[in-house]
């Protein structure tokens, strides 16, 4: 059983920057591909970014390409989401998630919430204009 705890969400001005962190415990962190998702009231959970077990491969939703960077430190059991130049439309609760279902990393499945077995409780990001 893997426990995930997000942190770093805050109120930030558009054009600023912030970094989200997700600390994992209870499992072998390097065995899991990790993803970041976000959700706003009344909408489905939306894929943001994902990273492979080793960190050698990443995948981004179009909404964050060029602005967001996902990374991980397997020695610290932590995955990060660096958000540069955030926009008001990035306002949401951000969740990290873990999956060990597949041996390969593919954009076909890694962006799908149903592929993930473990989720954090979320951290609120609010971007002011």
Foldseek 3Di string as FASTA:
>chain_A
DKAKAKDWADEAAAQAKTKMKIAIDDDQLLLWKKFKWWDDPPDDIFGAKIAHSVRPDIDGDPVCPPFWDWGDDSVRRMIMIIGGRDDQVVWTWMKMFIANPDPDDDPVPPGDPVRTDDMYPTGTHGYDD
